[in-house]
Amino acid sequence: MSSGCRTGGSRWSETAAFSFGSVAARVAEADRWRLFVAIELPDAISEALEAPLRSLDPLDSVVRRSQRSGIHLTLAFLGVVDRTRVPEIASRLRSATTGAAPFTVEVTGAGMFPSVSRPQVLWIGIGGDDRPKLVELAGRVANELRQVGLEPEKRAFHPHLTLGRVRRPPRPTEQQVLREWLAEWRDRAYGRLPVSAISLMRSQLSTGPPTYTQLQTFRLN
């Protein structure tokens, strides 16, 4: 009987530990958020991305495609931040947009990071005469965030829309399909993207696609 009690107690302890661990993880996630700053896409641009996304169907086993509704133009990734800092961050983003006039960029072309021979990210590009204004805006955002101790990624800012991420090194036949995809889409134009506001976004990861929540929007003025 005593042996049975010990076994039962052990199982309860394991179950309880798992339960408490899960609760702790949920509490931690509730207190600390993955944040980034982005420009959200109008419906016309989002719809124009449907064709290049669908053309990745043959590569489904090697490319994890973005959900069309979740594609955005990221200006800065903040990482995991205590949610109590959101008002402080919002104040800085408001400063970054003050005095910045709206502009328009072109969504055009396609490519792969870091290279076609070693693809990790498939992207649609950003161009047009006002592209330097977009780079300047990203710089303003980064500078304001540094004032409160938040250092965005130090890599040079290359504006793009992420269509997919490569899960594993592609086989030779898959590499050829990737090259054909690039040849088909790299000279295409997908429309004009008006930039009149930026958004503070939260990203929640799960076993499926990430969930994005707009926390606050700041208009250029």
Foldseek 3Di string as FASTA:
>chain_A
DVVVVVVVVVVVVVVVVVVVVVVVVVVVPVFKFWKFKWAAFDPLLLVLCPVLLVLCVVVVVFKDFADSNPKTWTLFTQGIGGPVCVVVLVVLLQVLQEPQAKDKKWFAFWAAPPHLQFGFWIWTAIGDPCVVSSLVSSVSSQVSCVVVPGHTDPDRDGITITGIGTPDNDDPVVSVSSVVSRVVGGGDTRDMGIQFKMFMWTWDDDPDHIDIDTDDIHGRD
